[in-house]
Amino acid sequence: MNWVVTIYAALLFFLLTPSVLVRLPPNGGKYTVAAFHGLVFALVFHFTHKTVWQLSMGLSAPIHKKEGMENEKKEKEHQQ
């Protein structure tokens, strides 16, 4: 895991802590609210962490070639 994703997870955790942005369910008990916010965090992180990872790799690292791409390119050049 890279630092951008780690910072993203920490920021997301902070924002989804009960009573920071919202408290759901409003009249729930301590454990019900904590469990609900944990579930929301898990779902948001699950569906967004790959996008954050890809964006961070695009910003900080050169474009990586996929395995086998170099060989295919050489084969095409030899055929011509």
PDB file of N, CA and C in Angstrom:
ATOM      1  N   MET A   1       0.854  -1.175   0.000  1.00  0.00           N
ATOM      2  CA  MET A   1       0.000   0.000   0.000  1.00  0.00           C
ATOM      3  C   MET A   1       0.897   1.233   0.000  1.00  0.00           C
ATOM      4  N   ASN A   2       0.518   2.232  -0.766  1.00  0.00           N
ATOM      5  CA  ASN A   2       1.347   3.430  -0.791  1.00  0.00           C
ATOM      6  C   ASN A   2       0.805   4.480   0.175  1.00  0.00           C
ATOM      7  N   TRP A   3       1.558   5.551   0.364  1.00  0.00           N
ATOM      8  CA  TRP A   3       1.207   6.555   1.363  1.00  0.00           C
ATOM      9  C   TRP A   3      -0.075   7.306   1.020  1.00  0.00           C
ATOM     10  N   VAL A   4      -0.333   7.521  -0.249  1.00  0.00           N
ATOM     11  CA  VAL A   4      -1.551   8.246  -0.634  1.00  0.00           C
ATOM     12  C   VAL A   4      -2.788   7.460  -0.198  1.00  0.00           C
ATOM     13  N   VAL A   5      -2.778   6.147  -0.417  1.00  0.00           N
ATOM     14  CA  VAL A   5      -3.911   5.314  -0.023  1.00  0.00           C
ATOM     15  C   VAL A   5      -4.011   5.254   1.503  1.00  0.00           C
ATOM     16  N   THR A   6      -2.894   5.220   2.185  1.00  0.00           N
ATOM     17  CA  THR A   6      -2.900   5.209   3.647  1.00  0.00           C
ATOM     18  C   THR A   6      -3.498   6.502   4.198  1.00  0.00           C
ATOM     19  N   ILE A   7      -3.087   7.625   3.655  1.00  0.00           N
ATOM     20  CA  ILE A   7      -3.632   8.910   4.093  1.00  0.00           C
ATOM     21  C   ILE A   7      -5.113   9.000   3.736  1.00  0.00           C
ATOM     22  N   TYR A   8      -5.484   8.496   2.559  1.00  0.00           N
ATOM     23  CA  TYR A   8      -6.888   8.473   2.161  1.00  0.00           C
ATOM     24  C   TYR A   8      -7.722   7.664   3.157  1.00  0.00           C
ATOM     25  N   ALA A   9      -7.227   6.495   3.553  1.00  0.00           N
ATOM     26  CA  ALA A   9      -7.953   5.653   4.509  1.00  0.00           C
ATOM     27  C   ALA A   9      -8.095   6.356   5.859  1.00  0.00           C
ATOM     28  N   ALA A  10      -7.033   7.011   6.314  1.00  0.00           N
ATOM     29  CA  ALA A  10      -7.095   7.720   7.597  1.00  0.00           C
ATOM     30  C   ALA A  10      -8.083   8.889   7.531  1.00  0.00           C
ATOM     31  N   LEU A  11      -8.061   9.637   6.455  1.00  0.00           N
ATOM     32  CA  LEU A  11      -8.983  10.755   6.292  1.00  0.00           C
ATOM     33  C   LEU A  11     -10.430  10.268   6.193  1.00  0.00           C
ATOM     34  N   LEU A  12     -10.638   9.205   5.443  1.00  0.00           N
ATOM     35  CA  LEU A  12     -11.970   8.630   5.316  1.00  0.00           C
ATOM     36  C   LEU A  12     -12.472   8.119   6.667  1.00  0.00           C
ATOM     37  N   PHE A  13     -11.591   7.474   7.412  1.00  0.00           N
ATOM     38  CA  PHE A  13     -11.944   6.993   8.751  1.00  0.00           C
ATOM     39  C   PHE A  13     -12.363   8.149   9.652  1.00  0.00           C
ATOM     40  N   PHE A  14     -11.582   9.232   9.621  1.00  0.00           N
ATOM     41  CA  PHE A  14     -11.911  10.403  10.439  1.00  0.00           C
ATOM     42  C   PHE A  14     -13.260  10.987  10.047  1.00  0.00           C
ATOM     43  N   LEU A  15     -13.479  11.171   8.747  1.00  0.00           N
ATOM     44  CA  LEU A  15     -14.730  11.779   8.284  1.00  0.00           C
ATOM     45  C   LEU A  15     -15.952  10.918   8.588  1.00  0.00           C
ATOM     46  N   LEU A  16     -15.778   9.596   8.582  1.00  0.00           N
ATOM     47  CA  LEU A  16     -16.899   8.703   8.821  1.00  0.00           C
ATOM     48  C   LEU A  16     -17.029   8.268  10.279  1.00  0.00           C
ATOM     49  N   THR A  17     -16.244   8.887  11.160  1.00  0.00           N
ATOM     50  CA  THR A  17     -16.406   8.650  12.592  1.00  0.00           C
ATOM     51  C   THR A  17     -17.735   9.249  13.028  1.00  0.00           C
ATOM     52  N   PRO A  18     -18.488   8.551  13.877  1.00  0.00           N
ATOM     53  CA  PRO A  18     -19.787   9.093  14.298  1.00  0.00           C
ATOM     54  C   PRO A  18     -19.686  10.514  14.851  1.00  0.00           C
ATOM     55  N   SER A  19     -20.603  11.352  14.440  1.00  0.00           N
ATOM     56  CA  SER A  19     -20.750  12.749  14.869  1.00  0.00           C
ATOM     57  C   SER A  19     -19.737  13.706  14.260  1.00  0.00           C
ATOM     58  N   VAL A  20     -18.884  13.262  13.341  1.00  0.00           N
ATOM     59  CA  VAL A  20     -17.992  14.194  12.653  1.00  0.00           C
ATOM     60  C   VAL A  20     -18.766  14.858  11.524  1.00  0.00           C
ATOM     61  N   LEU A  21     -19.255  14.074  10.577  1.00  0.00           N
ATOM     62  CA  LEU A  21     -20.113  14.614   9.526  1.00  0.00           C
ATOM     63  C   LEU A  21     -21.580  14.421   9.868  1.00  0.00           C
ATOM     64  N   VAL A  22     -21.899  13.216  10.289  1.00  0.00           N
ATOM     65  CA  VAL A  22     -23.286  12.877  10.588  1.00  0.00           C
ATOM     66  C   VAL A  22     -23.294  11.705  11.564  1.00  0.00           C
ATOM     67  N   ARG A  23     -24.375  11.561  12.275  1.00  0.00           N
ATOM     68  CA  ARG A  23     -24.524  10.422  13.181  1.00  0.00           C
ATOM     69  C   ARG A  23     -25.730   9.617  12.701  1.00  0.00           C
ATOM     70  N   LEU A  24     -25.458   8.431  12.197  1.00  0.00           N
ATOM     71  CA  LEU A  24     -26.518   7.552  11.686  1.00  0.00           C
ATOM     72  C   LEU A  24     -26.474   6.229  12.419  1.00  0.00           C
ATOM     73  N   PRO A  25     -27.525   5.642  12.794  1.00  0.00           N
ATOM     74  CA  PRO A  25     -28.874   6.207  12.914  1.00  0.00           C
ATOM     75  C   PRO A  25     -28.918   7.221  14.052  1.00  0.00           C
ATOM     76  N   PRO A  26     -29.729   8.279  13.913  1.00  0.00           N
ATOM     77  CA  PRO A  26     -29.710   9.397  14.867  1.00  0.00           C
ATOM     78  C   PRO A  26     -29.962   9.004  16.324  1.00  0.00           C
ATOM     79  N   ASN A  27     -30.879   8.084  16.583  1.00  0.00           N
ATOM     80  CA  ASN A  27     -31.206   7.726  17.971  1.00  0.00           C
ATOM     81  C   ASN A  27     -30.697   6.343  18.343  1.00  0.00           C
ATOM     82  N   GLY A  28     -29.698   5.857  17.634  1.00  0.00           N
ATOM     83  CA  GLY A  28     -29.174   4.521  17.911  1.00  0.00           C
ATOM     84  C   GLY A  28     -28.247   4.514  19.110  1.00  0.00           C
ATOM     85  N   GLY A  29     -28.037   3.331  19.623  1.00  0.00           N
ATOM     86  CA  GLY A  29     -27.103   3.163  20.733  1.00  0.00           C
ATOM     87  C   GLY A  29     -25.661   3.304  20.264  1.00  0.00           C
ATOM     88  N   LYS A  30     -24.748   3.334  21.236  1.00  0.00           N
ATOM     89  CA  LYS A  30     -23.327   3.535  20.938  1.00  0.00           C
ATOM     90  C   LYS A  30     -22.787   2.471  19.974  1.00  0.00           C
ATOM     91  N   TYR A  31     -23.085   1.214  20.230  1.00  0.00           N
ATOM     92  CA  TYR A  31     -22.560   0.136  19.395  1.00  0.00           C
ATOM     93  C   TYR A  31     -23.256   0.068  18.037  1.00  0.00           C
ATOM     94  N   THR A  32     -24.536   0.385  18.001  1.00  0.00           N
ATOM     95  CA  THR A  32     -25.262   0.399  16.730  1.00  0.00           C
ATOM     96  C   THR A  32     -24.703   1.480  15.809  1.00  0.00           C
ATOM     97  N   VAL A  33     -24.475   2.663  16.347  1.00  0.00           N
ATOM     98  CA  VAL A  33     -23.917   3.766  15.567  1.00  0.00           C
ATOM     99  C   VAL A  33     -22.505   3.415  15.095  1.00  0.00           C
ATOM    100  N   ALA A  34     -21.678   2.875  15.984  1.00  0.00           N
ATOM    101  CA  ALA A  34     -20.307   2.503  15.619  1.00  0.00           C
ATOM    102  C   ALA A  34     -20.302   1.424  14.536  1.00  0.00           C
ATOM    103  N   ALA A  35     -21.170   0.427  14.662  1.00  0.00           N
ATOM    104  CA  ALA A  35     -21.238  -0.645  13.659  1.00  0.00           C
ATOM    105  C   ALA A  35     -21.703  -0.098  12.314  1.00  0.00           C
ATOM    106  N   PHE A  36     -22.689   0.782  12.326  1.00  0.00           N
ATOM    107  CA  PHE A  36     -23.188   1.354  11.079  1.00  0.00           C
ATOM    108  C   PHE A  36     -22.103   2.175  10.383  1.00  0.00           C
ATOM    109  N   HIS A  37     -21.398   3.013  11.141  1.00  0.00           N
ATOM    110  CA  HIS A  37     -20.329   3.822  10.554  1.00  0.00           C
ATOM    111  C   HIS A  37     -19.171   2.950  10.079  1.00  0.00           C
ATOM    112  N   GLY A  38     -18.888   1.857  10.780  1.00  0.00           N
ATOM    113  CA  GLY A  38     -17.872   0.912  10.317  1.00  0.00           C
ATOM    114  C   GLY A  38     -18.262   0.277   8.995  1.00  0.00           C
ATOM    115  N   LEU A  39     -19.519  -0.079   8.862  1.00  0.00           N
ATOM    116  CA  LEU A  39     -20.016  -0.659   7.611  1.00  0.00           C
ATOM    117  C   LEU A  39     -19.948   0.358   6.480  1.00  0.00           C
ATOM    118  N   VAL A  40     -20.328   1.598   6.749  1.00  0.00           N
ATOM    119  CA  VAL A  40     -20.244   2.647   5.723  1.00  0.00           C
ATOM    120  C   VAL A  40     -18.797   2.852   5.302  1.00  0.00           C
ATOM    121  N   PHE A  41     -17.873   2.901   6.276  1.00  0.00           N
ATOM    122  CA  PHE A  41     -16.453   3.046   5.947  1.00  0.00           C
ATOM    123  C   PHE A  41     -15.983   1.900   5.062  1.00  0.00           C
ATOM    124  N   ALA A  42     -16.334   0.676   5.432  1.00  0.00           N
ATOM    125  CA  ALA A  42     -15.900  -0.495   4.663  1.00  0.00           C
ATOM    126  C   ALA A  42     -16.421  -0.439   3.226  1.00  0.00           C
ATOM    127  N   LEU A  43     -17.668  -0.073   3.056  1.00  0.00           N
ATOM    128  CA  LEU A  43     -18.242  -0.003   1.709  1.00  0.00           C
ATOM    129  C   LEU A  43     -17.612   1.107   0.874  1.00  0.00           C
ATOM    130  N   VAL A  44     -17.466   2.288   1.454  1.00  0.00           N
ATOM    131  CA  VAL A  44     -16.863   3.398   0.708  1.00  0.00           C
ATOM    132  C   VAL A  44     -15.423   3.071   0.350  1.00  0.00           C
ATOM    133  N   PHE A  45     -14.671   2.539   1.304  1.00  0.00           N
ATOM    134  CA  PHE A  45     -13.274   2.196   1.029  1.00  0.00           C
ATOM    135  C   PHE A  45     -13.170   1.101  -0.026  1.00  0.00           C
ATOM    136  N   HIS A  46     -14.027   0.093   0.060  1.00  0.00           N
ATOM    137  CA  HIS A  46     -14.009  -1.019  -0.891  1.00  0.00           C
ATOM    138  C   HIS A  46     -14.211  -0.528  -2.325  1.00  0.00           C
ATOM    139  N   PHE A  47     -15.140   0.384  -2.511  1.00  0.00           N
ATOM    140  CA  PHE A  47     -15.467   0.824  -3.861  1.00  0.00           C
ATOM    141  C   PHE A  47     -14.606   1.981  -4.367  1.00  0.00           C
ATOM    142  N   THR A  48     -13.782   2.578  -3.520  1.00  0.00           N
ATOM    143  CA  THR A  48     -12.979   3.725  -3.963  1.00  0.00           C
ATOM    144  C   THR A  48     -11.468   3.529  -3.872  1.00  0.00           C
ATOM    145  N   HIS A  49     -10.981   2.545  -3.123  1.00  0.00           N
ATOM    146  CA  HIS A  49      -9.533   2.464  -2.908  1.00  0.00           C
ATOM    147  C   HIS A  49      -8.759   2.163  -4.185  1.00  0.00           C
ATOM    148  N   LYS A  50      -9.309   1.394  -5.113  1.00  0.00           N
ATOM    149  CA  LYS A  50      -8.585   1.116  -6.368  1.00  0.00           C
ATOM    150  C   LYS A  50      -8.434   2.378  -7.211  1.00  0.00           C
ATOM    151  N   THR A  51      -9.468   3.205  -7.222  1.00  0.00           N
ATOM    152  CA  THR A  51      -9.393   4.462  -7.967  1.00  0.00           C
ATOM    153  C   THR A  51      -8.338   5.374  -7.358  1.00  0.00           C
ATOM    154  N   VAL A  52      -8.321   5.469  -6.039  1.00  0.00           N
ATOM    155  CA  VAL A  52      -7.318   6.295  -5.361  1.00  0.00           C
ATOM    156  C   VAL A  52      -5.924   5.737  -5.624  1.00  0.00           C
ATOM    157  N   TRP A  53      -5.769   4.427  -5.594  1.00  0.00           N
ATOM    158  CA  TRP A  53      -4.475   3.790  -5.872  1.00  0.00           C
ATOM    159  C   TRP A  53      -4.013   4.140  -7.284  1.00  0.00           C
ATOM    160  N   GLN A  54      -4.899   3.978  -8.269  1.00  0.00           N
ATOM    161  CA  GLN A  54      -4.528   4.260  -9.659  1.00  0.00           C
ATOM    162  C   GLN A  54      -4.178   5.728  -9.854  1.00  0.00           C
ATOM    163  N   LEU A  55      -4.941   6.622  -9.246  1.00  0.00           N
ATOM    164  CA  LEU A  55      -4.623   8.046  -9.351  1.00  0.00           C
ATOM    165  C   LEU A  55      -3.275   8.356  -8.706  1.00  0.00           C
ATOM    166  N   SER A  56      -3.001   7.745  -7.573  1.00  0.00           N
ATOM    167  CA  SER A  56      -1.727   8.009  -6.898  1.00  0.00           C
ATOM    168  C   SER A  56      -0.555   7.446  -7.698  1.00  0.00           C
ATOM    169  N   MET A  57      -0.747   6.309  -8.347  1.00  0.00           N
ATOM    170  CA  MET A  57       0.332   5.737  -9.155  1.00  0.00           C
ATOM    171  C   MET A  57       0.573   6.575 -10.400  1.00  0.00           C
ATOM    172  N   GLY A  58      -0.471   7.152 -10.946  1.00  0.00           N
ATOM    173  CA  GLY A  58      -0.322   8.012 -12.112  1.00  0.00           C
ATOM    174  C   GLY A  58       0.386   9.305 -11.778  1.00  0.00           C
ATOM    175  N   LEU A  59       0.232   9.781 -10.548  1.00  0.00           N
ATOM    176  CA  LEU A  59       0.865  11.025 -10.138  1.00  0.00           C
ATOM    177  C   LEU A  59       2.309  10.838  -9.717  1.00  0.00           C
ATOM    178  N   SER A  60       2.627   9.671  -9.152  1.00  0.00           N
ATOM    179  CA  SER A  60       3.946   9.527  -8.535  1.00  0.00           C
ATOM    180  C   SER A  60       4.906   8.607  -9.261  1.00  0.00           C
ATOM    181  N   ALA A  61       4.421   7.835 -10.210  1.00  0.00           N
ATOM    182  CA  ALA A  61       5.303   6.860 -10.839  1.00  0.00           C
ATOM    183  C   ALA A  61       5.139   6.911 -12.350  1.00  0.00           C
ATOM    184  N   PRO A  62       6.181   6.507 -13.069  1.00  0.00           N
ATOM    185  CA  PRO A  62       6.047   6.439 -14.527  1.00  0.00           C
ATOM    186  C   PRO A  62       5.055   5.349 -14.922  1.00  0.00           C
ATOM    187  N   ILE A  63       4.589   5.425 -16.137  1.00  0.00           N
ATOM    188  CA  ILE A  63       3.632   4.434 -16.630  1.00  0.00           C
ATOM    189  C   ILE A  63       4.322   3.079 -16.711  1.00  0.00           C
ATOM    190  N   HIS A  64       3.694   2.082 -16.137  1.00  0.00           N
ATOM    191  CA  HIS A  64       4.249   0.737 -16.144  1.00  0.00           C
ATOM    192  C   HIS A  64       3.733  -0.007 -17.358  1.00  0.00           C
ATOM    193  N   LYS A  65       4.639  -0.711 -18.027  1.00  0.00           N
ATOM    194  CA  LYS A  65       4.226  -1.527 -19.159  1.00  0.00           C
ATOM    195  C   LYS A  65       3.682  -2.836 -18.637  1.00  0.00           C
ATOM    196  N   LYS A  66       2.665  -3.324 -19.280  1.00  0.00           N
ATOM    197  CA  LYS A  66       2.121  -4.606 -18.883  1.00  0.00           C
ATOM    198  C   LYS A  66       3.063  -5.706 -19.350  1.00  0.00           C
ATOM    199  N   GLU A  67       3.071  -6.772 -18.607  1.00  0.00           N
ATOM    200  CA  GLU A  67       3.944  -7.895 -18.909  1.00  0.00           C
ATOM    201  C   GLU A  67       3.623  -8.438 -20.291  1.00  0.00           C
ATOM    202  N   GLY A  68       4.661  -8.628 -21.086  1.00  0.00           N
ATOM    203  CA  GLY A  68       4.479  -9.200 -22.410  1.00  0.00           C
ATOM    204  C   GLY A  68       4.317  -8.169 -23.506  1.00  0.00           C
ATOM    205  N   MET A  69       4.119  -6.927 -23.162  1.00  0.00           N
ATOM    206  CA  MET A  69       3.909  -5.899 -24.173  1.00  0.00           C
ATOM    207  C   MET A  69       5.172  -5.681 -24.994  1.00  0.00           C
ATOM    208  N   GLU A  70       6.313  -5.730 -24.379  1.00  0.00           N
ATOM    209  CA  GLU A  70       7.576  -5.503 -25.075  1.00  0.00           C
ATOM    210  C   GLU A  70       7.813  -6.589 -26.127  1.00  0.00           C
ATOM    211  N   ASN A  71       7.528  -7.839 -25.766  1.00  0.00           N
ATOM    212  CA  ASN A  71       7.729  -8.938 -26.704  1.00  0.00           C
ATOM    213  C   ASN A  71       6.798  -8.833 -27.905  1.00  0.00           C
ATOM    214  N   GLU A  72       5.554  -8.448 -27.688  1.00  0.00           N
ATOM    215  CA  GLU A  72       4.601  -8.297 -28.783  1.00  0.00           C
ATOM    216  C   GLU A  72       5.040  -7.193 -29.727  1.00  0.00           C
ATOM    217  N   LYS A  73       5.566  -6.125 -29.205  1.00  0.00           N
ATOM    218  CA  LYS A  73       6.023  -5.006 -30.019  1.00  0.00           C
ATOM    219  C   LYS A  73       7.202  -5.423 -30.890  1.00  0.00           C
ATOM    220  N   LYS A  74       8.130  -6.174 -30.318  1.00  0.00           N
ATOM    221  CA  LYS A  74       9.296  -6.645 -31.081  1.00  0.00           C
ATOM    222  C   LYS A  74       8.878  -7.621 -32.172  1.00  0.00           C
ATOM    223  N   GLU A  75       7.920  -8.501 -31.876  1.00  0.00           N
ATOM    224  CA  GLU A  75       7.439  -9.456 -32.864  1.00  0.00           C
ATOM    225  C   GLU A  75       6.799  -8.735 -34.048  1.00  0.00           C
ATOM    226  N   LYS A  76       6.037  -7.711 -33.807  1.00  0.00           N
ATOM    227  CA  LYS A  76       5.409  -6.944 -34.886  1.00  0.00           C
ATOM    228  C   LYS A  76       6.451  -6.246 -35.746  1.00  0.00           C
ATOM    229  N   GLU A  77       7.499  -5.732 -35.113  1.00  0.00           N
ATOM    230  CA  GLU A  77       8.574  -5.052 -35.863  1.00  0.00           C
ATOM    231  C   GLU A  77       9.310  -6.058 -36.737  1.00  0.00           C
ATOM    232  N   HIS A  78       9.525  -7.269 -36.259  1.00  0.00           N
ATOM    233  CA  HIS A  78      10.235  -8.296 -37.021  1.00  0.00           C
ATOM    234  C   HIS A  78       9.400  -8.794 -38.191  1.00  0.00           C
ATOM    235  N   GLN A  79       8.086  -8.802 -38.051  1.00  0.00           N
ATOM    236  CA  GLN A  79       7.213  -9.277 -39.114  1.00  0.00           C
ATOM    237  C   GLN A  79       7.178  -8.290 -40.272  1.00  0.00           C
ATOM    238  N   GLN A  80       7.410  -7.043 -40.010  1.00  0.00           N
ATOM    239  CA  GLN A  80       7.352  -6.020 -41.068  1.00  0.00           C
ATOM    240  C   GLN A  80       8.619  -5.955 -41.801  1.00  0.00           C
TER     241      GLN A  80
END
